[in-house]
Amino acid sequence: MNEQSDLSMKNDEVLRVELEVFRHEHRDLDDAIRALTERGTADQLTLQRLKKRKLRLKDRIAQIEDRLTPDIIA
């Protein structure tokens, strides 16, 4: 099942909870990337994987926000 159909099967309350979880995880990844970069202890592959995960979360957050925000007909 793809992410888009997965979103359509969930109610708004479930999506709001997921949204908060994903936002929290996104902030945690940001902190981890910053810490590893500042210490200089991470290899490039690890940083690249963390950044990729962060981007996927950002996309997922945007999808959920779009689903929760009603369309405005102008």
PDB file of N, CA and C in Angstrom:
ATOM      1  N   MET A   1       0.854  -1.176   0.000  1.00  0.00           N
ATOM      2  CA  MET A   1       0.000   0.000   0.000  1.00  0.00           C
ATOM      3  C   MET A   1       0.899   1.238   0.000  1.00  0.00           C
ATOM      4  N   ASN A   2       0.585   2.203  -0.852  1.00  0.00           N
ATOM      5  CA  ASN A   2       1.431   3.391  -0.896  1.00  0.00           C
ATOM      6  C   ASN A   2       1.005   4.394   0.158  1.00  0.00           C
ATOM      7  N   GLU A   3       1.836   5.424   0.365  1.00  0.00           N
ATOM      8  CA  GLU A   3       1.597   6.392   1.424  1.00  0.00           C
ATOM      9  C   GLU A   3       0.314   7.181   1.200  1.00  0.00           C
ATOM     10  N   GLN A   4       0.003   7.516  -0.050  1.00  0.00           N
ATOM     11  CA  GLN A   4      -1.168   8.322  -0.337  1.00  0.00           C
ATOM     12  C   GLN A   4      -2.451   7.585   0.037  1.00  0.00           C
ATOM     13  N   SER A   5      -2.574   6.321  -0.338  1.00  0.00           N
ATOM     14  CA  SER A   5      -3.777   5.574   0.019  1.00  0.00           C
ATOM     15  C   SER A   5      -3.796   5.285   1.516  1.00  0.00           C
ATOM     16  N   ASP A   6      -2.638   5.153   2.116  1.00  0.00           N
ATOM     17  CA  ASP A   6      -2.542   4.961   3.552  1.00  0.00           C
ATOM     18  C   ASP A   6      -3.126   6.165   4.287  1.00  0.00           C
ATOM     19  N   LEU A   7      -2.839   7.371   3.788  1.00  0.00           N
ATOM     20  CA  LEU A   7      -3.370   8.593   4.397  1.00  0.00           C
ATOM     21  C   LEU A   7      -4.881   8.661   4.294  1.00  0.00           C
ATOM     22  N   SER A   8      -5.427   8.260   3.162  1.00  0.00           N
ATOM     23  CA  SER A   8      -6.862   8.387   2.946  1.00  0.00           C
ATOM     24  C   SER A   8      -7.662   7.429   3.823  1.00  0.00           C
ATOM     25  N   MET A   9      -7.040   6.407   4.350  1.00  0.00           N
ATOM     26  CA  MET A   9      -7.743   5.429   5.169  1.00  0.00           C
ATOM     27  C   MET A   9      -7.720   5.794   6.661  1.00  0.00           C
ATOM     28  N   LYS A  10      -6.986   6.829   7.027  1.00  0.00           N
ATOM     29  CA  LYS A  10      -6.864   7.199   8.438  1.00  0.00           C
ATOM     30  C   LYS A  10      -7.745   8.405   8.736  1.00  0.00           C
ATOM     31  N   ASN A  11      -8.285   8.432   9.961  1.00  0.00           N
ATOM     32  CA  ASN A  11      -9.094   9.593  10.327  1.00  0.00           C
ATOM     33  C   ASN A  11      -8.193  10.740  10.779  1.00  0.00           C
ATOM     34  N   ASP A  12      -8.771  11.917  10.910  1.00  0.00           N
ATOM     35  CA  ASP A  12      -7.994  13.122  11.210  1.00  0.00           C
ATOM     36  C   ASP A  12      -7.269  13.044  12.545  1.00  0.00           C
ATOM     37  N   GLU A  13      -7.882  12.441  13.533  1.00  0.00           N
ATOM     38  CA  GLU A  13      -7.250  12.360  14.851  1.00  0.00           C
ATOM     39  C   GLU A  13      -5.975  11.508  14.792  1.00  0.00           C
ATOM     40  N   VAL A  14      -6.030  10.406  14.091  1.00  0.00           N
ATOM     41  CA  VAL A  14      -4.850   9.549  13.925  1.00  0.00           C
ATOM     42  C   VAL A  14      -3.761  10.316  13.175  1.00  0.00           C
ATOM     43  N   LEU A  15      -4.154  11.053  12.155  1.00  0.00           N
ATOM     44  CA  LEU A  15      -3.186  11.827  11.385  1.00  0.00           C
ATOM     45  C   LEU A  15      -2.535  12.917  12.228  1.00  0.00           C
ATOM     46  N   ARG A  16      -3.305  13.547  13.102  1.00  0.00           N
ATOM     47  CA  ARG A  16      -2.732  14.581  13.978  1.00  0.00           C
ATOM     48  C   ARG A  16      -1.693  13.990  14.929  1.00  0.00           C
ATOM     49  N   VAL A  17      -1.992  12.814  15.455  1.00  0.00           N
ATOM     50  CA  VAL A  17      -1.040  12.148  16.348  1.00  0.00           C
ATOM     51  C   VAL A  17       0.233  11.779  15.577  1.00  0.00           C
ATOM     52  N   GLU A  18       0.056  11.207  14.393  1.00  0.00           N
ATOM     53  CA  GLU A  18       1.216  10.859  13.566  1.00  0.00           C
ATOM     54  C   GLU A  18       2.030  12.100  13.218  1.00  0.00           C
ATOM     55  N   LEU A  19       1.342  13.194  12.932  1.00  0.00           N
ATOM     56  CA  LEU A  19       2.012  14.437  12.581  1.00  0.00           C
ATOM     57  C   LEU A  19       2.927  14.893  13.711  1.00  0.00           C
ATOM     58  N   GLU A  20       2.439  14.844  14.933  1.00  0.00           N
ATOM     59  CA  GLU A  20       3.263  15.240  16.079  1.00  0.00           C
ATOM     60  C   GLU A  20       4.446  14.301  16.274  1.00  0.00           C
ATOM     61  N   VAL A  21       4.222  13.015  16.085  1.00  0.00           N
ATOM     62  CA  VAL A  21       5.312  12.040  16.205  1.00  0.00           C
ATOM     63  C   VAL A  21       6.383  12.299  15.146  1.00  0.00           C
ATOM     64  N   PHE A  22       5.953  12.533  13.910  1.00  0.00           N
ATOM     65  CA  PHE A  22       6.897  12.790  12.821  1.00  0.00           C
ATOM     66  C   PHE A  22       7.643  14.103  13.026  1.00  0.00           C
ATOM     67  N   ARG A  23       6.955  15.131  13.517  1.00  0.00           N
ATOM     68  CA  ARG A  23       7.626  16.407  13.799  1.00  0.00           C
ATOM     69  C   ARG A  23       8.687  16.236  14.881  1.00  0.00           C
ATOM     70  N   HIS A  24       8.351  15.473  15.907  1.00  0.00           N
ATOM     71  CA  HIS A  24       9.301  15.227  16.991  1.00  0.00           C
ATOM     72  C   HIS A  24      10.527  14.462  16.466  1.00  0.00           C
ATOM     73  N   GLU A  25      10.272  13.438  15.670  1.00  0.00           N
ATOM     74  CA  GLU A  25      11.365  12.656  15.095  1.00  0.00           C
ATOM     75  C   GLU A  25      12.232  13.525  14.177  1.00  0.00           C
ATOM     76  N   HIS A  26      11.607  14.427  13.432  1.00  0.00           N
ATOM     77  CA  HIS A  26      12.323  15.334  12.533  1.00  0.00           C
ATOM     78  C   HIS A  26      13.256  16.241  13.348  1.00  0.00           C
ATOM     79  N   ARG A  27      12.755  16.782  14.473  1.00  0.00           N
ATOM     80  CA  ARG A  27      13.585  17.621  15.343  1.00  0.00           C
ATOM     81  C   ARG A  27      14.733  16.812  15.934  1.00  0.00           C
ATOM     82  N   ASP A  28      14.449  15.585  16.358  1.00  0.00           N
ATOM     83  CA  ASP A  28      15.495  14.730  16.917  1.00  0.00           C
ATOM     84  C   ASP A  28      16.596  14.446  15.896  1.00  0.00           C
ATOM     85  N   LEU A  29      16.200  14.174  14.654  1.00  0.00           N
ATOM     86  CA  LEU A  29      17.191  13.940  13.608  1.00  0.00           C
ATOM     87  C   LEU A  29      18.023  15.190  13.363  1.00  0.00           C
ATOM     88  N   ASP A  30      17.383  16.342  13.375  1.00  0.00           N
ATOM     89  CA  ASP A  30      18.093  17.605  13.193  1.00  0.00           C
ATOM     90  C   ASP A  30      19.138  17.782  14.291  1.00  0.00           C
ATOM     91  N   ASP A  31      18.755  17.505  15.531  1.00  0.00           N
ATOM     92  CA  ASP A  31      19.687  17.604  16.653  1.00  0.00           C
ATOM     93  C   ASP A  31      20.829  16.610  16.513  1.00  0.00           C
ATOM     94  N   ALA A  32      20.522  15.392  16.099  1.00  0.00           N
ATOM     95  CA  ALA A  32      21.550  14.366  15.938  1.00  0.00           C
ATOM     96  C   ALA A  32      22.538  14.740  14.839  1.00  0.00           C
ATOM     97  N   ILE A  33      22.024  15.240  13.731  1.00  0.00           N
ATOM     98  CA  ILE A  33      22.897  15.646  12.621  1.00  0.00           C
ATOM     99  C   ILE A  33      23.801  16.780  13.071  1.00  0.00           C
ATOM    100  N   ARG A  34      23.242  17.756  13.764  1.00  0.00           N
ATOM    101  CA  ARG A  34      24.022  18.891  14.245  1.00  0.00           C
ATOM    102  C   ARG A  34      25.117  18.433  15.214  1.00  0.00           C
ATOM    103  N   ALA A  35      24.753  17.553  16.135  1.00  0.00           N
ATOM    104  CA  ALA A  35      25.714  17.070  17.127  1.00  0.00           C
ATOM    105  C   ALA A  35      26.851  16.289  16.470  1.00  0.00           C
ATOM    106  N   LEU A  36      26.508  15.418  15.544  1.00  0.00           N
ATOM    107  CA  LEU A  36      27.543  14.633  14.863  1.00  0.00           C
ATOM    108  C   LEU A  36      28.454  15.522  14.024  1.00  0.00           C
ATOM    109  N   THR A  37      27.876  16.534  13.414  1.00  0.00           N
ATOM    110  CA  THR A  37      28.674  17.450  12.597  1.00  0.00           C
ATOM    111  C   THR A  37      29.611  18.280  13.465  1.00  0.00           C
ATOM    112  N   GLU A  38      29.109  18.780  14.574  1.00  0.00           N
ATOM    113  CA  GLU A  38      29.922  19.608  15.466  1.00  0.00           C
ATOM    114  C   GLU A  38      31.075  18.818  16.075  1.00  0.00           C
ATOM    115  N   ARG A  39      30.808  17.575  16.436  1.00  0.00           N
ATOM    116  CA  ARG A  39      31.859  16.744  17.030  1.00  0.00           C
ATOM    117  C   ARG A  39      32.806  16.173  15.989  1.00  0.00           C
ATOM    118  N   GLY A  40      32.328  16.108  14.764  1.00  0.00           N
ATOM    119  CA  GLY A  40      33.166  15.551  13.706  1.00  0.00           C
ATOM    120  C   GLY A  40      33.369  14.055  13.826  1.00  0.00           C
ATOM    121  N   THR A  41      32.447  13.377  14.490  1.00  0.00           N
ATOM    122  CA  THR A  41      32.615  11.940  14.727  1.00  0.00           C
ATOM    123  C   THR A  41      31.866  11.067  13.725  1.00  0.00           C
ATOM    124  N   ALA A  42      31.018  11.670  12.910  1.00  0.00           N
ATOM    125  CA  ALA A  42      30.200  10.873  11.989  1.00  0.00           C
ATOM    126  C   ALA A  42      30.868  10.749  10.629  1.00  0.00           C
ATOM    127  N   ASP A  43      30.712   9.591  10.036  1.00  0.00           N
ATOM    128  CA  ASP A  43      31.193   9.425   8.671  1.00  0.00           C
ATOM    129  C   ASP A  43      30.133   9.986   7.725  1.00  0.00           C
ATOM    130  N   GLN A  44      30.523  10.238   6.504  1.00  0.00           N
ATOM    131  CA  GLN A  44      29.626  10.853   5.523  1.00  0.00           C
ATOM    132  C   GLN A  44      28.407   9.985   5.231  1.00  0.00           C
ATOM    133  N   LEU A  45      28.587   8.682   5.206  1.00  0.00           N
ATOM    134  CA  LEU A  45      27.468   7.782   4.919  1.00  0.00           C
ATOM    135  C   LEU A  45      26.388   7.888   5.999  1.00  0.00           C
ATOM    136  N   THR A  46      26.800   7.936   7.246  1.00  0.00           N
ATOM    137  CA  THR A  46      25.842   8.073   8.341  1.00  0.00           C
ATOM    138  C   THR A  46      25.088   9.396   8.244  1.00  0.00           C
ATOM    139  N   LEU A  47      25.821  10.473   8.013  1.00  0.00           N
ATOM    140  CA  LEU A  47      25.182  11.778   7.873  1.00  0.00           C
ATOM    141  C   LEU A  47      24.213  11.794   6.695  1.00  0.00           C
ATOM    142  N   GLN A  48      24.622  11.202   5.602  1.00  0.00           N
ATOM    143  CA  GLN A  48      23.775  11.160   4.414  1.00  0.00           C
ATOM    144  C   GLN A  48      22.483  10.391   4.689  1.00  0.00           C
ATOM    145  N   ARG A  49      22.583   9.282   5.391  1.00  0.00           N
ATOM    146  CA  ARG A  49      21.392   8.489   5.723  1.00  0.00           C
ATOM    147  C   ARG A  49      20.454   9.251   6.657  1.00  0.00           C
ATOM    148  N   LEU A  50      21.019   9.943   7.643  1.00  0.00           N
ATOM    149  CA  LEU A  50      20.195  10.722   8.563  1.00  0.00           C
ATOM    150  C   LEU A  50      19.492  11.863   7.832  1.00  0.00           C
ATOM    151  N   LYS A  51      20.208  12.531   6.947  1.00  0.00           N
ATOM    152  CA  LYS A  51      19.617  13.634   6.187  1.00  0.00           C
ATOM    153  C   LYS A  51      18.522  13.139   5.248  1.00  0.00           C
ATOM    154  N   LYS A  52      18.737  11.969   4.660  1.00  0.00           N
ATOM    155  CA  LYS A  52      17.735  11.390   3.767  1.00  0.00           C
ATOM    156  C   LYS A  52      16.468  11.034   4.556  1.00  0.00           C
ATOM    157  N   ARG A  53      16.654  10.462   5.727  1.00  0.00           N
ATOM    158  CA  ARG A  53      15.516  10.122   6.595  1.00  0.00           C
ATOM    159  C   ARG A  53      14.762  11.393   6.977  1.00  0.00           C
ATOM    160  N   LYS A  54      15.511  12.444   7.283  1.00  0.00           N
ATOM    161  CA  LYS A  54      14.909  13.720   7.655  1.00  0.00           C
ATOM    162  C   LYS A  54      14.072  14.284   6.500  1.00  0.00           C
ATOM    163  N   LEU A  55      14.567  14.187   5.283  1.00  0.00           N
ATOM    164  CA  LEU A  55      13.825  14.660   4.115  1.00  0.00           C
ATOM    165  C   LEU A  55      12.550  13.852   3.883  1.00  0.00           C
ATOM    166  N   ARG A  56      12.642  12.531   4.084  1.00  0.00           N
ATOM    167  CA  ARG A  56      11.444  11.695   3.935  1.00  0.00           C
ATOM    168  C   ARG A  56      10.385  12.083   4.966  1.00  0.00           C
ATOM    169  N   LEU A  57      10.842  12.364   6.186  1.00  0.00           N
ATOM    170  CA  LEU A  57       9.913  12.796   7.226  1.00  0.00           C
ATOM    171  C   LEU A  57       9.276  14.137   6.867  1.00  0.00           C
ATOM    172  N   LYS A  58      10.087  15.041   6.333  1.00  0.00           N
ATOM    173  CA  LYS A  58       9.565  16.351   5.931  1.00  0.00           C
ATOM    174  C   LYS A  58       8.474  16.189   4.874  1.00  0.00           C
ATOM    175  N   ASP A  59       8.711  15.321   3.908  1.00  0.00           N
ATOM    176  CA  ASP A  59       7.707  15.058   2.875  1.00  0.00           C
ATOM    177  C   ASP A  59       6.440  14.451   3.474  1.00  0.00           C
ATOM    178  N   ARG A  60       6.607  13.522   4.385  1.00  0.00           N
ATOM    179  CA  ARG A  60       5.457  12.868   5.029  1.00  0.00           C
ATOM    180  C   ARG A  60       4.659  13.889   5.848  1.00  0.00           C
ATOM    181  N   ILE A  61       5.369  14.773   6.553  1.00  0.00           N
ATOM    182  CA  ILE A  61       4.720  15.827   7.332  1.00  0.00           C
ATOM    183  C   ILE A  61       3.896  16.716   6.406  1.00  0.00           C
ATOM    184  N   ALA A  62       4.470  17.098   5.278  1.00  0.00           N
ATOM    185  CA  ALA A  62       3.766  17.949   4.312  1.00  0.00           C
ATOM    186  C   ALA A  62       2.516  17.251   3.779  1.00  0.00           C
ATOM    187  N   GLN A  63       2.604  15.959   3.513  1.00  0.00           N
ATOM    188  CA  GLN A  63       1.440  15.201   3.021  1.00  0.00           C
ATOM    189  C   GLN A  63       0.319  15.200   4.050  1.00  0.00           C
ATOM    190  N   ILE A  64       0.671  14.976   5.299  1.00  0.00           N
ATOM    191  CA  ILE A  64      -0.342  14.937   6.356  1.00  0.00           C
ATOM    192  C   ILE A  64      -0.954  16.320   6.551  1.00  0.00           C
ATOM    193  N   GLU A  65      -0.123  17.351   6.555  1.00  0.00           N
ATOM    194  CA  GLU A  65      -0.644  18.711   6.702  1.00  0.00           C
ATOM    195  C   GLU A  65      -1.602  19.055   5.562  1.00  0.00           C
ATOM    196  N   ASP A  66      -1.257  18.654   4.346  1.00  0.00           N
ATOM    197  CA  ASP A  66      -2.143  18.884   3.206  1.00  0.00           C
ATOM    198  C   ASP A  66      -3.467  18.153   3.377  1.00  0.00           C
ATOM    199  N   ARG A  67      -3.404  16.953   3.901  1.00  0.00           N
ATOM    200  CA  ARG A  67      -4.625  16.160   4.118  1.00  0.00           C
ATOM    201  C   ARG A  67      -5.506  16.778   5.179  1.00  0.00           C
ATOM    202  N   LEU A  68      -4.877  17.364   6.223  1.00  0.00           N
ATOM    203  CA  LEU A  68      -5.639  17.931   7.327  1.00  0.00           C
ATOM    204  C   LEU A  68      -6.151  19.337   7.037  1.00  0.00           C
ATOM    205  N   THR A  69      -5.519  20.041   6.110  1.00  0.00           N
ATOM    206  CA  THR A  69      -5.917  21.402   5.780  1.00  0.00           C
ATOM    207  C   THR A  69      -7.007  21.355   4.717  1.00  0.00           C
ATOM    208  N   PRO A  70      -8.157  21.925   5.021  1.00  0.00           N
ATOM    209  CA  PRO A  70      -9.246  21.886   4.029  1.00  0.00           C
ATOM    210  C   PRO A  70      -8.916  22.741   2.816  1.00  0.00           C
ATOM    211  N   ASP A  71      -9.405  22.292   1.654  1.00  0.00           N
ATOM    212  CA  ASP A  71      -9.233  23.062   0.433  1.00  0.00           C
ATOM    213  C   ASP A  71     -10.101  24.301   0.493  1.00  0.00           C
ATOM    214  N   ILE A  72      -9.528  25.414   0.062  1.00  0.00           N
ATOM    215  CA  ILE A  72     -10.270  26.668   0.018  1.00  0.00           C
ATOM    216  C   ILE A  72     -10.553  26.987  -1.438  1.00  0.00           C
ATOM    217  N   ILE A  73     -11.807  27.080  -1.771  1.00  0.00           N
ATOM    218  CA  ILE A  73     -12.185  27.391  -3.141  1.00  0.00           C
ATOM    219  C   ILE A  73     -12.271  28.908  -3.269  1.00  0.00           C
ATOM    220  N   ALA A  74     -11.429  29.457  -4.144  1.00  0.00           N
ATOM    221  CA  ALA A  74     -11.394  30.920  -4.302  1.00  0.00           C
ATOM    222  C   ALA A  74     -12.304  31.368  -5.414  1.00  0.00           C
TER     223      ALA A  74
END
